[in-house]
Protein backbone atom coordinates (compact mmCIF):
# COMPACT_ATOMS: atom_id res chain seq x y z
CA MET A 1 0.48 0.17 -0.06
CA GLU A 2 1.98 3.19 -1.38
CA THR A 3 1.09 6.80 0.68
CA LYS A 4 0.99 9.54 -0.90
CA GLN A 5 3.88 12.31 0.40
CA LYS A 6 3.16 15.51 0.56
CA SER A 7 5.23 18.25 -0.80
CA TRP A 8 7.02 20.34 1.10
CA TRP A 9 5.23 23.09 -0.30
CA GLN A 10 2.21 21.99 0.33
CA ASP A 11 3.06 21.68 4.11
CA PHE A 12 4.50 25.25 3.85
CA GLN A 13 1.36 26.59 2.19
CA LYS A 14 -1.01 25.20 4.97
CA GLY A 15 1.33 26.54 7.41
CA LEU A 16 1.11 30.36 6.20
CA GLN A 17 -2.95 29.60 5.88
CA TYR A 18 -2.72 28.62 9.92
CA TYR A 19 -0.79 31.29 10.30
CA ARG A 20 -2.77 33.86 8.77
CA THR A 21 -5.96 32.79 11.19
CA LYS A 22 -3.92 33.46 14.01
CA ARG A 23 -3.64 37.76 14.23
CA LEU A 24 -1.36 37.42 17.57
CA LEU A 25 1.38 35.49 15.70
CA VAL A 26 1.27 37.69 12.65
CA TRP A 27 2.43 40.66 14.83
CA LEU A 28 4.54 38.33 16.87
CA ALA A 29 6.45 37.60 13.72
CA GLY A 30 6.20 40.45 13.06
CA LEU A 31 8.12 41.73 15.90
CA ILE A 32 10.51 39.73 15.85
CA SER A 33 11.57 40.01 12.80
CA LEU A 34 11.31 43.85 12.96
CA THR A 35 14.30 43.64 15.90
CA ASN A 36 15.84 40.91 14.59
CA PHE A 37 16.82 42.77 10.82
CA ALA A 38 17.31 46.28 13.19
CA MET A 39 20.10 44.58 15.07
CA ALA A 40 21.98 42.92 12.01
CA PRO A 41 22.53 46.79 10.68
CA LEU A 42 24.19 47.75 14.51
CA ILE A 43 26.23 44.46 15.23
CA TYR A 44 28.16 44.02 11.90
CA VAL A 45 28.39 47.74 10.63
CA TYR A 46 27.70 50.00 13.77
CA PHE A 47 30.12 48.82 15.85
CA LEU A 48 32.67 48.67 13.26
CA ILE A 49 31.87 52.44 13.11
CA PHE A 50 32.34 52.80 16.68
CA ALA A 51 35.34 50.18 17.28
CA SER A 52 37.23 52.69 14.82
CA GLU A 53 36.13 56.06 14.47
CA VAL A 54 34.72 56.74 18.06
CA PHE A 55 36.72 54.64 20.36
CA MET A 56 39.85 54.57 18.21
CA ALA A 57 40.24 50.90 19.33
CA GLY A 58 40.86 49.05 15.67
CA VAL A 59 40.32 45.30 15.11
CA ALA A 60 40.56 44.57 18.26
CA GLY A 61 37.71 46.63 19.35
CA TYR A 62 35.63 45.33 17.70
CA GLY A 63 36.61 41.71 18.79
CA PHE A 64 35.72 42.93 21.75
CA LEU A 65 32.23 44.52 20.96
CA GLN A 66 31.25 41.80 19.44
CA SER A 67 32.32 38.89 22.53
CA SER A 68 30.32 41.37 24.74
CA LEU A 69 27.35 41.50 22.84
CA SER A 70 28.17 37.30 22.57
CA VAL A 71 28.97 37.59 26.06
CA GLY A 72 25.35 38.70 27.02
CA PHE A 73 23.58 36.13 24.76
CA VAL A 74 24.78 33.14 27.02
CA LEU A 75 24.32 35.43 29.82
CA GLY A 76 20.37 36.28 28.50
CA ALA A 77 19.89 32.24 27.54
CA THR A 78 20.80 31.04 30.69
CA VAL A 79 18.80 33.73 32.95
CA MET A 80 15.76 32.45 30.57
CA SER A 81 16.14 28.61 30.90
CA ILE A 82 16.20 29.47 34.54
CA ILE A 83 13.30 31.37 34.34
CA GLY A 84 11.56 29.22 32.02
CA GLN A 85 7.69 29.24 30.61
CA THR A 86 5.98 32.46 32.11
CA SER A 87 2.75 32.98 31.87
CA ARG A 88 2.68 36.81 31.01
CA ARG A 89 5.31 36.26 27.51
CA ARG A 90 3.72 39.26 26.08
CA GLU A 91 4.85 41.83 29.33
CA LEU A 92 8.76 40.09 28.35
CA VAL A 93 8.42 40.63 24.95
CA LEU A 94 7.83 43.64 25.01
CA SER A 95 9.44 44.48 27.47
CA SER A 96 12.50 43.00 26.41
CA ILE A 97 12.62 44.94 22.80
CA PHE A 98 12.20 48.31 25.02
CA PHE A 99 15.54 47.15 26.58
CA ILE A 100 17.25 46.21 23.59
CA GLY A 101 16.28 49.51 22.51
CA LEU A 102 17.18 51.50 25.68
CA SER A 103 20.76 49.50 25.54
CA VAL A 104 21.19 50.61 22.23
CA LEU A 105 20.42 54.40 22.53
CA LEU A 106 22.80 54.21 26.01
CA PHE A 107 25.05 52.49 23.33
CA SER A 108 25.18 55.24 20.68
CA LEU A 109 26.06 57.61 23.70
CA SER A 110 28.71 56.85 24.61
CA TYR A 111 32.49 57.72 24.22
CA ASP A 112 34.42 55.59 26.81
CA ILE A 113 34.95 51.34 24.72
CA PHE A 114 34.62 50.56 28.45
CA PHE A 115 30.56 52.12 28.85
CA ALA A 116 29.79 50.57 25.21
CA LEU A 117 30.99 47.31 26.04
CA LEU A 118 28.96 47.05 28.49
CA PHE A 119 25.79 48.48 26.95
CA ALA A 120 26.52 46.14 24.27
CA GLY A 121 26.06 43.25 27.12
CA LEU A 122 22.83 44.06 27.95
CA ILE A 123 21.43 43.61 24.15
CA GLY A 124 23.15 40.73 24.01
CA PHE A 125 21.59 39.69 27.02
CA ALA A 126 17.38 41.16 26.27
CA VAL A 127 17.68 39.65 22.62
CA PRO A 128 17.19 35.80 23.74
CA PHE A 129 14.20 37.11 26.13
CA THR A 130 12.33 38.13 22.98
CA ASN A 131 13.59 34.95 20.73
CA ILE A 132 13.37 32.32 22.84
CA THR A 133 9.92 33.71 24.55
CA VAL A 134 8.61 33.44 20.57
CA SER A 135 9.80 30.54 19.93
CA THR A 136 9.18 28.08 22.73
């Protein structure tokens, strides 16, 4: 007896149909996409410009900024694993996005590499609260 397998395209279309019926999912996906797409220039361009032009730290400064962000990611993900699932998901996502924006603002105002490292770490710390909450 042979069963007909669905193509990935059919599965994808069925998933999109379900997705469109859930307004909250569409809203969250848009918000998370915007957050992550907005973070790409920050991480790859803004950090490089700040390291070389503002802090005059060159490649080493750029590496430290990237490392600080990564340490923040790991710490944020660790805290999320300790907290676990929460019933206040919407508040967690919105406060995390606010915290990311505030940290980016403070980073952009910093003229000292040490404060910039702190704020880059805080940006990284806040991102897992958004991404993990939405993806689970």
